[in-house]
Amino acid sequence: MKTKLISLLLALGFMVISINVNAQQQNLKTLKEQAQVVKLNADLVSKKIDLEKERQVNVKLSEDVKTLDKKSDRTTDKFSPSDPKTTAKDARNAAKLLRKTEAANRELRRSNLRIQKIEKDILKLEDKLNKLEYTVEIKEN
């Protein structure tokens, strides 16, 4: 009788310990996934800030490109064959302006590509966050 009672108590003890360990593992899993959600949210906010900065740079670049394009159009139309020295000088100045315009257009294109890449990254992060089932509420004291 005593041996049956002792074996029953030991079995109950092992069951309680295994239930406790299982609950702790579930809590640990939940905490890890919540930590992942917090990290992804931080990355998402960082990418959104980068996107807004790049958009501001892009607006400035597009304004510069517009003015340079207008200057280039006006400069390349004003050649007169009356004086060869001034025509050559005007051609050199026009070539410099065209190189500057081309560089500005290239920089604008790169900025547009950076914006597209950041937007893709934001969409990927949002998809990852939607797939995770846990959410974290941040309470302010």
N, C-alpha and C. Protein backbone atom coordinates (compact mmCIF):
# COMPACT_ATOMS: atom_id res chain seq x y z
N MET A 1 0.81 -1.18 0.00
CA MET A 1 0.00 0.00 0.00
C MET A 1 0.86 1.26 0.00
N LYS A 2 1.91 1.22 0.85
CA LYS A 2 2.81 2.36 0.92
C LYS A 2 3.54 2.56 -0.41
N THR A 3 3.92 1.49 -1.05
CA THR A 3 4.64 1.60 -2.31
C THR A 3 3.75 2.16 -3.41
N LYS A 4 2.45 1.76 -3.37
CA LYS A 4 1.52 2.30 -4.36
C LYS A 4 1.30 3.79 -4.13
N LEU A 5 1.19 4.18 -2.88
CA LEU A 5 1.00 5.59 -2.52
C LEU A 5 2.22 6.42 -2.91
N ILE A 6 3.38 5.88 -2.64
CA ILE A 6 4.62 6.59 -2.99
C ILE A 6 4.76 6.71 -4.51
N SER A 7 4.47 5.63 -5.23
CA SER A 7 4.59 5.69 -6.69
C SER A 7 3.54 6.64 -7.27
N LEU A 8 2.34 6.69 -6.68
CA LEU A 8 1.31 7.62 -7.13
C LEU A 8 1.74 9.06 -6.89
N LEU A 9 2.31 9.33 -5.73
CA LEU A 9 2.80 10.68 -5.42
C LEU A 9 3.95 11.08 -6.37
N LEU A 10 4.84 10.15 -6.65
CA LEU A 10 5.93 10.45 -7.58
C LEU A 10 5.40 10.72 -8.98
N ALA A 11 4.43 9.95 -9.42
CA ALA A 11 3.84 10.17 -10.75
C ALA A 11 3.15 11.53 -10.82
N LEU A 12 2.41 11.87 -9.76
CA LEU A 12 1.76 13.19 -9.72
C LEU A 12 2.80 14.31 -9.71
N GLY A 13 3.87 14.11 -8.99
CA GLY A 13 4.94 15.10 -8.94
C GLY A 13 5.57 15.32 -10.31
N PHE A 14 5.84 14.22 -11.01
CA PHE A 14 6.40 14.33 -12.36
C PHE A 14 5.42 15.03 -13.31
N MET A 15 4.14 14.75 -13.17
CA MET A 15 3.14 15.40 -14.01
C MET A 15 3.10 16.89 -13.76
N VAL A 16 3.13 17.29 -12.49
CA VAL A 16 3.12 18.71 -12.15
C VAL A 16 4.36 19.41 -12.69
N ILE A 17 5.50 18.77 -12.56
CA ILE A 17 6.75 19.36 -13.05
C ILE A 17 6.71 19.48 -14.58
N SER A 18 6.22 18.45 -15.27
CA SER A 18 6.19 18.51 -16.73
C SER A 18 5.19 19.56 -17.21
N ILE A 19 4.08 19.73 -16.53
CA ILE A 19 3.12 20.78 -16.90
C ILE A 19 3.73 22.15 -16.69
N ASN A 20 4.45 22.32 -15.60
CA ASN A 20 5.11 23.60 -15.30
C ASN A 20 6.18 23.92 -16.35
N VAL A 21 6.96 22.93 -16.74
CA VAL A 21 8.01 23.14 -17.75
C VAL A 21 7.38 23.49 -19.09
N ASN A 22 6.29 22.81 -19.43
CA ASN A 22 5.60 23.07 -20.69
C ASN A 22 5.06 24.50 -20.71
N ALA A 23 4.48 24.93 -19.60
CA ALA A 23 3.95 26.30 -19.52
C ALA A 23 5.08 27.32 -19.64
N GLN A 24 6.21 27.03 -19.03
CA GLN A 24 7.34 27.95 -19.13
C GLN A 24 7.87 28.03 -20.56
N GLN A 25 7.86 26.90 -21.27
CA GLN A 25 8.31 26.90 -22.66
C GLN A 25 7.37 27.72 -23.53
N GLN A 26 6.07 27.63 -23.27
CA GLN A 26 5.11 28.42 -24.03
C GLN A 26 5.30 29.90 -23.74
N ASN A 27 5.54 30.26 -22.48
CA ASN A 27 5.79 31.66 -22.13
C ASN A 27 7.05 32.16 -22.81
N LEU A 28 8.08 31.33 -22.85
CA LEU A 28 9.33 31.71 -23.49
C LEU A 28 9.12 31.92 -24.99
N LYS A 29 8.34 31.04 -25.62
CA LYS A 29 8.04 31.18 -27.04
C LYS A 29 7.28 32.48 -27.30
N THR A 30 6.30 32.76 -26.45
CA THR A 30 5.52 33.99 -26.59
C THR A 30 6.42 35.22 -26.45
N LEU A 31 7.30 35.19 -25.47
CA LEU A 31 8.21 36.32 -25.26
C LEU A 31 9.16 36.51 -26.45
N LYS A 32 9.65 35.41 -27.01
CA LYS A 32 10.54 35.52 -28.17
C LYS A 32 9.80 36.13 -29.37
N GLU A 33 8.57 35.69 -29.59
CA GLU A 33 7.82 36.24 -30.72
C GLU A 33 7.45 37.70 -30.48
N GLN A 34 7.17 38.06 -29.26
CA GLN A 34 6.88 39.46 -28.96
C GLN A 34 8.13 40.31 -29.16
N ALA A 35 9.28 39.78 -28.79
CA ALA A 35 10.54 40.51 -29.03
C ALA A 35 10.76 40.70 -30.52
N GLN A 36 10.42 39.68 -31.30
CA GLN A 36 10.56 39.79 -32.75
C GLN A 36 9.61 40.85 -33.31
N VAL A 37 8.40 40.91 -32.76
CA VAL A 37 7.43 41.93 -33.20
C VAL A 37 7.95 43.32 -32.88
N VAL A 38 8.53 43.50 -31.70
CA VAL A 38 9.07 44.81 -31.33
C VAL A 38 10.21 45.20 -32.26
N LYS A 39 11.08 44.24 -32.57
CA LYS A 39 12.20 44.52 -33.48
C LYS A 39 11.70 44.89 -34.87
N LEU A 40 10.72 44.15 -35.37
CA LEU A 40 10.18 44.45 -36.69
C LEU A 40 9.48 45.81 -36.71
N ASN A 41 8.79 46.15 -35.64
CA ASN A 41 8.15 47.47 -35.56
C ASN A 41 9.19 48.58 -35.56
N ALA A 42 10.29 48.37 -34.84
CA ALA A 42 11.36 49.37 -34.83
C ALA A 42 11.97 49.53 -36.22
N ASP A 43 12.19 48.41 -36.91
CA ASP A 43 12.71 48.47 -38.28
C ASP A 43 11.74 49.19 -39.21
N LEU A 44 10.45 48.93 -39.02
CA LEU A 44 9.43 49.55 -39.86
C LEU A 44 9.41 51.07 -39.67
N VAL A 45 9.49 51.50 -38.43
CA VAL A 45 9.50 52.95 -38.16
C VAL A 45 10.75 53.58 -38.74
N SER A 46 11.88 52.89 -38.62
CA SER A 46 13.13 53.40 -39.17
C SER A 46 13.04 53.54 -40.69
N LYS A 47 12.47 52.55 -41.34
CA LYS A 47 12.33 52.60 -42.81
C LYS A 47 11.39 53.72 -43.23
N LYS A 48 10.33 53.93 -42.47
CA LYS A 48 9.40 55.01 -42.81
C LYS A 48 10.07 56.38 -42.67
N ILE A 49 10.91 56.53 -41.67
CA ILE A 49 11.66 57.78 -41.50
C ILE A 49 12.62 57.97 -42.67
N ASP A 50 13.33 56.89 -43.04
CA ASP A 50 14.24 56.96 -44.19
C ASP A 50 13.49 57.32 -45.47
N LEU A 51 12.28 56.78 -45.62
CA LEU A 51 11.47 57.07 -46.80
C LEU A 51 11.11 58.55 -46.87
N GLU A 52 10.70 59.11 -45.75
CA GLU A 52 10.35 60.54 -45.74
C GLU A 52 11.56 61.42 -46.03
N LYS A 53 12.70 61.06 -45.47
CA LYS A 53 13.92 61.82 -45.75
C LYS A 53 14.27 61.77 -47.24
N GLU A 54 14.17 60.58 -47.81
CA GLU A 54 14.51 60.41 -49.23
C GLU A 54 13.51 61.16 -50.12
N ARG A 55 12.26 61.18 -49.71
CA ARG A 55 11.26 61.94 -50.48
C ARG A 55 11.57 63.43 -50.47
N GLN A 56 12.02 63.95 -49.34
CA GLN A 56 12.39 65.37 -49.27
C GLN A 56 13.59 65.65 -50.17
N VAL A 57 14.57 64.75 -50.15
CA VAL A 57 15.73 64.91 -51.02
C VAL A 57 15.29 64.85 -52.48
N ASN A 58 14.36 63.95 -52.77
CA ASN A 58 13.87 63.78 -54.13
C ASN A 58 13.17 65.03 -54.63
N VAL A 59 12.38 65.67 -53.79
CA VAL A 59 11.69 66.90 -54.19
C VAL A 59 12.72 67.98 -54.52
N LYS A 60 13.73 68.11 -53.69
CA LYS A 60 14.77 69.11 -53.95
C LYS A 60 15.51 68.80 -55.25
N LEU A 61 15.85 67.53 -55.46
CA LEU A 61 16.55 67.15 -56.69
C LEU A 61 15.69 67.40 -57.92
N SER A 62 14.41 67.11 -57.83
CA SER A 62 13.55 67.32 -59.01
C SER A 62 13.43 68.79 -59.35
N GLU A 63 13.41 69.65 -58.34
CA GLU A 63 13.40 71.10 -58.61
C GLU A 63 14.69 71.53 -59.29
N ASP A 64 15.82 71.03 -58.79
CA ASP A 64 17.11 71.35 -59.40
C ASP A 64 17.17 70.86 -60.85
N VAL A 65 16.67 69.67 -61.08
CA VAL A 65 16.69 69.11 -62.43
C VAL A 65 15.82 69.95 -63.37
N LYS A 66 14.68 70.40 -62.90
CA LYS A 66 13.82 71.23 -63.75
C LYS A 66 14.52 72.51 -64.17
N THR A 67 15.16 73.17 -63.20
CA THR A 67 15.85 74.42 -63.55
C THR A 67 17.03 74.17 -64.48
N LEU A 68 17.79 73.10 -64.23
CA LEU A 68 18.92 72.79 -65.10
C LEU A 68 18.46 72.40 -66.50
N ASP A 69 17.35 71.68 -66.59
CA ASP A 69 16.81 71.33 -67.91
C ASP A 69 16.42 72.57 -68.70
N LYS A 70 15.78 73.51 -68.02
CA LYS A 70 15.38 74.75 -68.70
C LYS A 70 16.61 75.53 -69.16
N LYS A 71 17.62 75.63 -68.29
CA LYS A 71 18.85 76.33 -68.66
C LYS A 71 19.53 75.64 -69.84
N SER A 72 19.56 74.33 -69.82
CA SER A 72 20.20 73.58 -70.90
C SER A 72 19.47 73.81 -72.22
N ASP A 73 18.15 73.80 -72.18
CA ASP A 73 17.39 74.04 -73.41
C ASP A 73 17.67 75.43 -73.96
N ARG A 74 17.70 76.42 -73.08
CA ARG A 74 17.96 77.79 -73.55
C ARG A 74 19.39 77.95 -74.04
N THR A 75 20.34 77.33 -73.36
CA THR A 75 21.75 77.50 -73.72
C THR A 75 22.08 76.84 -75.05
N THR A 76 21.53 75.69 -75.29
CA THR A 76 21.87 74.98 -76.54
C THR A 76 21.20 75.59 -77.76
N ASP A 77 20.22 76.45 -77.57
CA ASP A 77 19.53 77.08 -78.70
C ASP A 77 20.18 78.40 -79.14
N LYS A 78 21.15 78.92 -78.41
CA LYS A 78 21.65 80.26 -78.65
C LYS A 78 23.01 80.30 -79.35
N PHE A 79 23.29 79.46 -80.26
CA PHE A 79 24.56 79.52 -80.96
C PHE A 79 24.41 80.36 -82.22
N SER A 80 25.38 81.27 -82.43
CA SER A 80 25.38 82.08 -83.65
C SER A 80 26.75 81.94 -84.32
N PRO A 81 26.79 81.75 -85.61
CA PRO A 81 28.07 81.53 -86.30
C PRO A 81 28.81 82.82 -86.62
N SER A 82 28.46 83.94 -86.03
CA SER A 82 29.10 85.21 -86.38
C SER A 82 30.55 85.28 -85.91
N ASP A 83 30.80 84.85 -84.69
CA ASP A 83 32.17 84.94 -84.16
C ASP A 83 32.60 83.55 -83.68
N PRO A 84 33.62 82.98 -84.30
CA PRO A 84 34.02 81.61 -83.94
C PRO A 84 34.51 81.46 -82.50
N LYS A 85 35.20 82.48 -81.97
CA LYS A 85 35.72 82.37 -80.60
C LYS A 85 34.58 82.31 -79.58
N THR A 86 33.62 83.19 -79.72
CA THR A 86 32.50 83.18 -78.77
C THR A 86 31.63 81.94 -78.96
N THR A 87 31.53 81.47 -80.19
CA THR A 87 30.74 80.26 -80.44
C THR A 87 31.41 79.06 -79.75
N ALA A 88 32.74 78.97 -79.85
CA ALA A 88 33.45 77.87 -79.20
C ALA A 88 33.32 77.96 -77.68
N LYS A 89 33.43 79.18 -77.16
CA LYS A 89 33.28 79.38 -75.71
C LYS A 89 31.86 79.03 -75.27
N ASP A 90 30.87 79.46 -76.04
CA ASP A 90 29.48 79.12 -75.73
C ASP A 90 29.25 77.61 -75.78
N ALA A 91 29.90 76.95 -76.73
CA ALA A 91 29.76 75.50 -76.85
C ALA A 91 30.37 74.79 -75.65
N ARG A 92 31.53 75.27 -75.18
CA ARG A 92 32.16 74.67 -73.99
C ARG A 92 31.27 74.87 -72.77
N ASN A 93 30.73 76.07 -72.63
CA ASN A 93 29.84 76.34 -71.48
C ASN A 93 28.57 75.49 -71.56
N ALA A 94 28.07 75.33 -72.77
CA ALA A 94 26.88 74.50 -72.94
C ALA A 94 27.19 73.04 -72.61
N ALA A 95 28.37 72.57 -73.01
CA ALA A 95 28.76 71.19 -72.71
C ALA A 95 28.89 70.99 -71.20
N LYS A 96 29.46 71.96 -70.48
CA LYS A 96 29.56 71.87 -69.02
C LYS A 96 28.17 71.81 -68.39
N LEU A 97 27.30 72.67 -68.88
CA LEU A 97 25.94 72.70 -68.34
C LEU A 97 25.20 71.40 -68.62
N LEU A 98 25.43 70.84 -69.81
CA LEU A 98 24.79 69.56 -70.15
C LEU A 98 25.31 68.42 -69.27
N ARG A 99 26.62 68.42 -68.98
CA ARG A 99 27.17 67.40 -68.08
C ARG A 99 26.57 67.55 -66.68
N LYS A 100 26.45 68.79 -66.23
CA LYS A 100 25.86 69.04 -64.91
C LYS A 100 24.39 68.59 -64.88
N THR A 101 23.67 68.86 -65.96
CA THR A 101 22.27 68.44 -66.05
C THR A 101 22.17 66.92 -66.07
N GLU A 102 23.07 66.29 -66.81
CA GLU A 102 23.05 64.83 -66.86
C GLU A 102 23.33 64.22 -65.49
N ALA A 103 24.29 64.78 -64.77
CA ALA A 103 24.60 64.29 -63.43
C ALA A 103 23.41 64.47 -62.48
N ALA A 104 22.74 65.59 -62.58
CA ALA A 104 21.57 65.84 -61.74
C ALA A 104 20.44 64.85 -62.07
N ASN A 105 20.25 64.58 -63.36
CA ASN A 105 19.23 63.60 -63.76
C ASN A 105 19.58 62.20 -63.25
N ARG A 106 20.86 61.86 -63.29
CA ARG A 106 21.30 60.56 -62.78
C ARG A 106 21.03 60.45 -61.27
N GLU A 107 21.33 61.52 -60.55
CA GLU A 107 21.10 61.52 -59.10
C GLU A 107 19.61 61.43 -58.78
N LEU A 108 18.79 62.09 -59.57
CA LEU A 108 17.33 61.99 -59.38
C LEU A 108 16.85 60.57 -59.64
N ARG A 109 17.38 59.93 -60.66
CA ARG A 109 17.02 58.54 -60.97
C ARG A 109 17.41 57.63 -59.80
N ARG A 110 18.62 57.82 -59.25
CA ARG A 110 19.06 57.03 -58.11
C ARG A 110 18.15 57.25 -56.90
N SER A 111 17.76 58.48 -56.69
CA SER A 111 16.86 58.79 -55.58
C SER A 111 15.52 58.08 -55.76
N ASN A 112 15.01 58.08 -56.98
CA ASN A 112 13.75 57.37 -57.26
C ASN A 112 13.88 55.88 -56.99
N LEU A 113 15.03 55.30 -57.37
CA LEU A 113 15.26 53.88 -57.11
C LEU A 113 15.36 53.58 -55.62
N ARG A 114 16.03 54.49 -54.87
CA ARG A 114 16.11 54.29 -53.42
C ARG A 114 14.72 54.34 -52.79
N ILE A 115 13.87 55.24 -53.26
CA ILE A 115 12.50 55.33 -52.74
C ILE A 115 11.76 54.03 -53.02
N GLN A 116 11.89 53.51 -54.23
CA GLN A 116 11.20 52.25 -54.55
C GLN A 116 11.70 51.10 -53.68
N LYS A 117 13.01 51.05 -53.45
CA LYS A 117 13.58 49.99 -52.62
C LYS A 117 13.08 50.08 -51.18
N ILE A 118 13.05 51.29 -50.64
CA ILE A 118 12.57 51.47 -49.27
C ILE A 118 11.09 51.09 -49.18
N GLU A 119 10.30 51.46 -50.17
CA GLU A 119 8.88 51.10 -50.16
C GLU A 119 8.70 49.58 -50.20
N LYS A 120 9.54 48.88 -50.98
CA LYS A 120 9.49 47.42 -51.02
C LYS A 120 9.81 46.83 -49.65
N ASP A 121 10.86 47.38 -49.02
CA ASP A 121 11.25 46.89 -47.69
C ASP A 121 10.13 47.10 -46.68
N ILE A 122 9.46 48.24 -46.77
CA ILE A 122 8.35 48.53 -45.85
C ILE A 122 7.23 47.51 -46.05
N LEU A 123 6.92 47.20 -47.31
CA LEU A 123 5.87 46.21 -47.58
C LEU A 123 6.24 44.83 -47.04
N LYS A 124 7.51 44.45 -47.18
CA LYS A 124 7.96 43.16 -46.66
C LYS A 124 7.83 43.11 -45.14
N LEU A 125 8.24 44.19 -44.47
CA LEU A 125 8.14 44.23 -43.01
C LEU A 125 6.68 44.18 -42.56
N GLU A 126 5.81 44.90 -43.26
CA GLU A 126 4.40 44.87 -42.90
C GLU A 126 3.81 43.48 -43.09
N ASP A 127 4.23 42.77 -44.15
CA ASP A 127 3.75 41.40 -44.36
C ASP A 127 4.22 40.48 -43.24
N LYS A 128 5.50 40.63 -42.84
CA LYS A 128 6.01 39.81 -41.74
C LYS A 128 5.23 40.07 -40.46
N LEU A 129 4.95 41.34 -40.19
CA LEU A 129 4.20 41.67 -38.98
C LEU A 129 2.78 41.12 -39.03
N ASN A 130 2.16 41.14 -40.20
CA ASN A 130 0.82 40.60 -40.33
C ASN A 130 0.79 39.08 -40.14
N LYS A 131 1.87 38.40 -40.52
CA LYS A 131 1.94 36.95 -40.36
C LYS A 131 2.11 36.53 -38.91
N LEU A 132 2.77 37.37 -38.12
CA LEU A 132 2.95 37.03 -36.71
C LEU A 132 1.63 37.24 -35.97
N GLU A 133 1.34 36.33 -35.07
CA GLU A 133 0.06 36.39 -34.40
C GLU A 133 0.09 37.24 -33.12
N TYR A 134 1.26 37.61 -32.71
CA TYR A 134 1.35 38.36 -31.46
C TYR A 134 1.48 39.84 -31.72
N THR A 135 0.88 40.59 -30.85
CA THR A 135 1.05 42.03 -30.89
C THR A 135 1.55 42.48 -29.54
N VAL A 136 2.23 43.59 -29.53
CA VAL A 136 2.77 44.10 -28.29
C VAL A 136 2.18 45.48 -28.06
N GLU A 137 1.62 45.67 -26.90
CA GLU A 137 1.10 46.97 -26.54
C GLU A 137 2.14 47.71 -25.71
N ILE A 138 2.45 48.90 -26.11
CA ILE A 138 3.43 49.70 -25.38
C ILE A 138 2.66 50.66 -24.50
N LYS A 139 2.85 50.55 -23.21
CA LYS A 139 2.13 51.40 -22.26
C LYS A 139 3.07 52.50 -21.79
N GLU A 140 2.55 53.71 -21.80
CA GLU A 140 3.34 54.84 -21.31
C GLU A 140 2.89 55.16 -19.89
N ASN A 141 3.86 55.39 -19.04
CA ASN A 141 3.53 55.70 -17.63
C ASN A 141 3.46 57.19 -17.42
